């Protein structure tokens, strides 16, 4: 399982904006400083905006800023904003995929669900304020 490149770029953009504080930053500045191709940055920013992580400002002096305090934005928030829910197995997203109809008949399902809960918890335990210290 890999986190895709878009999520990595999302992490970089959100961290850059967290470092900028309340300042509105142009997309080009983020792209250059975080070594993110501009086309990728412009592709992921709408997802971050829709998730309420980033806000945009149009016009002269426009750009992007965080929509929430960095303490309230986790790694899981960014991944799910860009990639959607991450699941170790599709049956964790929808038990209908399991030919054994999921728990309690499928012991593997419960093991994967436990691991999934730990993964979500670990990704949620890191917020962007942590990276500013």
C-alpha atoms as a PDB file:
ATOM      1  CA  UNK A   1       0.000   0.000   0.000  1.00  0.00           C
ATOM      2  CA  UNK A   2       1.374   3.387  -0.985  1.00  0.00           C
ATOM      3  CA  UNK A   3       0.165   6.880  -0.370  1.00  0.00           C
ATOM      4  CA  UNK A   4       0.069   8.412  -3.823  1.00  0.00           C
ATOM      5  CA  UNK A   5       2.194  11.322  -4.989  1.00  0.00           C
ATOM      6  CA  UNK A   6      -0.760  13.719  -4.828  1.00  0.00           C
ATOM      7  CA  UNK A   7      -1.063  13.151  -1.068  1.00  0.00           C
ATOM      8  CA  UNK A   8       2.657  13.757  -0.623  1.00  0.00           C
ATOM      9  CA  UNK A   9       2.292  17.026  -2.503  1.00  0.00           C
ATOM     10  CA  UNK A  10      -0.755  17.828  -0.383  1.00  0.00           C
ATOM     11  CA  UNK A  11       1.294  17.322   2.789  1.00  0.00           C
ATOM     12  CA  UNK A  12       3.939  19.701   1.474  1.00  0.00           C
ATOM     13  CA  UNK A  13       1.420  22.377   0.492  1.00  0.00           C
ATOM     14  CA  UNK A  14      -0.439  22.232   3.804  1.00  0.00           C
ATOM     15  CA  UNK A  15       2.811  22.343   5.770  1.00  0.00           C
ATOM     16  CA  UNK A  16       4.002  25.342   3.756  1.00  0.00           C
ATOM     17  CA  UNK A  17       0.720  27.141   4.458  1.00  0.00           C
ATOM     18  CA  UNK A  18       0.954  26.209   8.139  1.00  0.00           C
ATOM     19  CA  UNK A  19       4.408  27.809   8.235  1.00  0.00           C
ATOM     20  CA  UNK A  20       3.003  30.928   6.542  1.00  0.00           C
ATOM     21  CA  UNK A  21       0.468  31.428   9.332  1.00  0.00           C
ATOM     22  CA  UNK A  22      -2.464  33.551   8.211  1.00  0.00           C
ATOM     23  CA  UNK A  23      -0.617  34.928   5.184  1.00  0.00           C
ATOM     24  CA  UNK A  24      -2.170  34.243   1.769  1.00  0.00           C
ATOM     25  CA  UNK A  25       0.411  32.564  -0.482  1.00  0.00           C
ATOM     26  CA  UNK A  26       0.412  32.392  -4.276  1.00  0.00           C
ATOM     27  CA  UNK A  27       0.308  28.935  -5.838  1.00  0.00           C
ATOM     28  CA  UNK A  28       3.568  29.595  -7.675  1.00  0.00           C
ATOM     29  CA  UNK A  29       5.340  30.320  -4.384  1.00  0.00           C
ATOM     30  CA  UNK A  30       4.117  27.069  -2.842  1.00  0.00           C
ATOM     31  CA  UNK A  31       5.062  25.095  -5.954  1.00  0.00           C
ATOM     32  CA  UNK A  32       8.574  26.546  -6.102  1.00  0.00           C
ATOM     33  CA  UNK A  33       9.361  26.274  -2.395  1.00  0.00           C
ATOM     34  CA  UNK A  34       7.964  22.779  -1.959  1.00  0.00           C
ATOM     35  CA  UNK A  35       9.189  21.430  -5.324  1.00  0.00           C
ATOM     36  CA  UNK A  36       5.672  20.523  -6.422  1.00  0.00           C
ATOM     37  CA  UNK A  37       4.837  20.692 -10.121  1.00  0.00           C
ATOM     38  CA  UNK A  38       2.370  23.528 -10.617  1.00  0.00           C
ATOM     39  CA  UNK A  39      -0.078  21.316 -12.525  1.00  0.00           C
ATOM     40  CA  UNK A  40      -0.229  18.881  -9.581  1.00  0.00           C
ATOM     41  CA  UNK A  41      -0.631  21.660  -7.062  1.00  0.00           C
ATOM     42  CA  UNK A  42      -3.515  23.172  -9.015  1.00  0.00           C
ATOM     43  CA  UNK A  43      -5.079  19.720  -9.246  1.00  0.00           C
ATOM     44  CA  UNK A  44      -4.982  18.985  -5.499  1.00  0.00           C
ATOM     45  CA  UNK A  45      -5.871  22.407  -4.096  1.00  0.00           C
ATOM     46  CA  UNK A  46      -9.593  22.137  -4.979  1.00  0.00           C
ATOM     47  CA  UNK A  47      -9.776  18.891  -2.982  1.00  0.00           C
ATOM     48  CA  UNK A  48      -8.151  20.565   0.014  1.00  0.00           C
ATOM     49  CA  UNK A  49     -10.548  23.510  -0.328  1.00  0.00           C
ATOM     50  CA  UNK A  50     -13.583  21.227  -0.564  1.00  0.00           C
ATOM     51  CA  UNK A  51     -12.438  19.416   2.596  1.00  0.00           C
ATOM     52  CA  UNK A  52     -12.204  22.732   4.460  1.00  0.00           C
ATOM     53  CA  UNK A  53      -8.451  22.466   4.964  1.00  0.00           C
ATOM     54  CA  UNK A  54      -7.427  25.316   2.655  1.00  0.00           C
ATOM     55  CA  UNK A  55      -9.191  28.460   1.531  1.00  0.00           C
ATOM     56  CA  UNK A  56      -8.548  30.412  -1.625  1.00  0.00           C
ATOM     57  CA  UNK A  57      -8.555  34.125  -2.233  1.00  0.00           C
ATOM     58  CA  UNK A  58      -8.973  35.470  -5.743  1.00  0.00           C
ATOM     59  CA  UNK A  59      -7.695  38.653  -7.281  1.00  0.00           C
ATOM     60  CA  UNK A  60      -4.671  40.805  -6.632  1.00  0.00           C
ATOM     61  CA  UNK A  61      -2.816  39.415  -3.646  1.00  0.00           C
ATOM     62  CA  UNK A  62      -4.775  36.197  -4.007  1.00  0.00           C
ATOM     63  CA  UNK A  63      -3.624  32.704  -3.312  1.00  0.00           C
ATOM     64  CA  UNK A  64      -4.128  30.119  -0.612  1.00  0.00           C
ATOM     65  CA  UNK A  65      -4.157  29.984   3.173  1.00  0.00           C
ATOM     66  CA  UNK A  66      -5.187  27.426   5.732  1.00  0.00           C
ATOM     67  CA  UNK A  67      -8.892  27.400   6.524  1.00  0.00           C
ATOM     68  CA  UNK A  68      -8.319  25.851   9.956  1.00  0.00           C
ATOM     69  CA  UNK A  69      -5.734  25.974  12.685  1.00  0.00           C
ATOM     70  CA  UNK A  70      -2.801  23.625  11.920  1.00  0.00           C
ATOM     71  CA  UNK A  71      -3.582  21.764  15.171  1.00  0.00           C
ATOM     72  CA  UNK A  72      -6.929  20.801  13.634  1.00  0.00           C
ATOM     73  CA  UNK A  73      -5.491  19.341  10.415  1.00  0.00           C
ATOM     74  CA  UNK A  74      -4.096  15.811  10.521  1.00  0.00           C
ATOM     75  CA  UNK A  75      -2.227  13.672   8.053  1.00  0.00           C
ATOM     76  CA  UNK A  76      -5.382  11.574   7.714  1.00  0.00           C
ATOM     77  CA  UNK A  77      -7.405  14.688   6.841  1.00  0.00           C
ATOM     78  CA  UNK A  78      -5.080  15.514   3.947  1.00  0.00           C
ATOM     79  CA  UNK A  79      -4.916  11.951   2.623  1.00  0.00           C
ATOM     80  CA  UNK A  80      -8.691  11.536   2.711  1.00  0.00           C
ATOM     81  CA  UNK A  81      -9.256  14.958   1.144  1.00  0.00           C
ATOM     82  CA  UNK A  82      -7.107  13.990  -1.817  1.00  0.00           C
ATOM     83  CA  UNK A  83      -7.551  10.228  -2.126  1.00  0.00           C
ATOM     84  CA  UNK A  84     -10.830   9.580  -0.364  1.00  0.00           C
ATOM     85  CA  UNK A  85     -11.141   7.039   2.426  1.00  0.00           C
ATOM     86  CA  UNK A  86      -8.138   4.760   2.683  1.00  0.00           C
ATOM     87  CA  UNK A  87      -8.901   1.152   3.486  1.00  0.00           C
ATOM     88  CA  UNK A  88      -6.651  -1.898   3.695  1.00  0.00           C
ATOM     89  CA  UNK A  89      -9.302  -3.985   1.979  1.00  0.00           C
ATOM     90  CA  UNK A  90     -12.437  -3.029   0.100  1.00  0.00           C
ATOM     91  CA  UNK A  91     -14.578  -5.040   2.562  1.00  0.00           C
ATOM     92  CA  UNK A  92     -13.713  -2.429   5.207  1.00  0.00           C
ATOM     93  CA  UNK A  93     -15.353   0.190   3.030  1.00  0.00           C
ATOM     94  CA  UNK A  94     -18.379  -1.931   2.182  1.00  0.00           C
ATOM     95  CA  UNK A  95     -19.082  -5.315   3.795  1.00  0.00           C
ATOM     96  CA  UNK A  96     -21.062  -6.222   0.674  1.00  0.00           C
ATOM     97  CA  UNK A  97     -17.743  -7.026  -1.020  1.00  0.00           C
ATOM     98  CA  UNK A  98     -17.202  -9.926   1.393  1.00  0.00           C
ATOM     99  CA  UNK A  99     -18.586 -13.259   0.216  1.00  0.00           C
ATOM    100  CA  UNK A 100     -18.758 -14.292   3.896  1.00  0.00           C
ATOM    101  CA  UNK A 101     -20.874 -11.204   4.691  1.00  0.00           C
ATOM    102  CA  UNK A 102     -18.184  -9.723   6.915  1.00  0.00           C
ATOM    103  CA  UNK A 103     -18.058 -10.090  10.681  1.00  0.00           C
ATOM    104  CA  UNK A 104     -18.606 -12.252  12.672  1.00  0.00           C
ATOM    105  CA  UNK A 105     -18.147 -15.014  10.077  1.00  0.00           C
ATOM    106  CA  UNK A 106     -14.901 -13.626   8.655  1.00  0.00           C
ATOM    107  CA  UNK A 107     -11.994 -13.581  11.123  1.00  0.00           C
ATOM    108  CA  UNK A 108      -9.743 -11.853   8.579  1.00  0.00           C
ATOM    109  CA  UNK A 109     -12.198  -8.963   8.365  1.00  0.00           C
ATOM    110  CA  UNK A 110     -11.917  -8.305  12.095  1.00  0.00           C
ATOM    111  CA  UNK A 111      -8.110  -8.447  12.003  1.00  0.00           C
ATOM    112  CA  UNK A 112      -8.000  -5.995   9.090  1.00  0.00           C
ATOM    113  CA  UNK A 113     -10.540  -3.760  10.832  1.00  0.00           C
ATOM    114  CA  UNK A 114      -8.311  -3.639  13.928  1.00  0.00           C
ATOM    115  CA  UNK A 115      -5.267  -2.759  11.828  1.00  0.00           C
ATOM    116  CA  UNK A 116      -7.300  -0.140   9.930  1.00  0.00           C
ATOM    117  CA  UNK A 117      -8.387   1.474  13.194  1.00  0.00           C
ATOM    118  CA  UNK A 118      -4.756   1.681  14.341  1.00  0.00           C
ATOM    119  CA  UNK A 119      -3.658   3.152  11.003  1.00  0.00           C
ATOM    120  CA  UNK A 120      -6.406   5.789  11.118  1.00  0.00           C
ATOM    121  CA  UNK A 121      -5.555   6.560  14.737  1.00  0.00           C
ATOM    122  CA  UNK A 122      -1.841   6.898  13.990  1.00  0.00           C
ATOM    123  CA  UNK A 123      -2.418   9.151  10.968  1.00  0.00           C
ATOM    124  CA  UNK A 124      -4.820  11.254  13.046  1.00  0.00           C
ATOM    125  CA  UNK A 125      -2.294  11.604  15.862  1.00  0.00           C
ATOM    126  CA  UNK A 126      -0.054  13.858  13.747  1.00  0.00           C
ATOM    127  CA  UNK A 127      -1.299  17.364  13.120  1.00  0.00           C
ATOM    128  CA  UNK A 128       0.459  20.105  11.185  1.00  0.00           C
ATOM    129  CA  UNK A 129       1.227  22.132  14.297  1.00  0.00           C
ATOM    130  CA  UNK A 130       3.430  19.194  15.347  1.00  0.00           C
ATOM    131  CA  UNK A 131       5.633  19.807  12.321  1.00  0.00           C
ATOM    132  CA  UNK A 132       6.071  23.496  13.126  1.00  0.00           C
ATOM    133  CA  UNK A 133       7.858  22.828  16.406  1.00  0.00           C
END
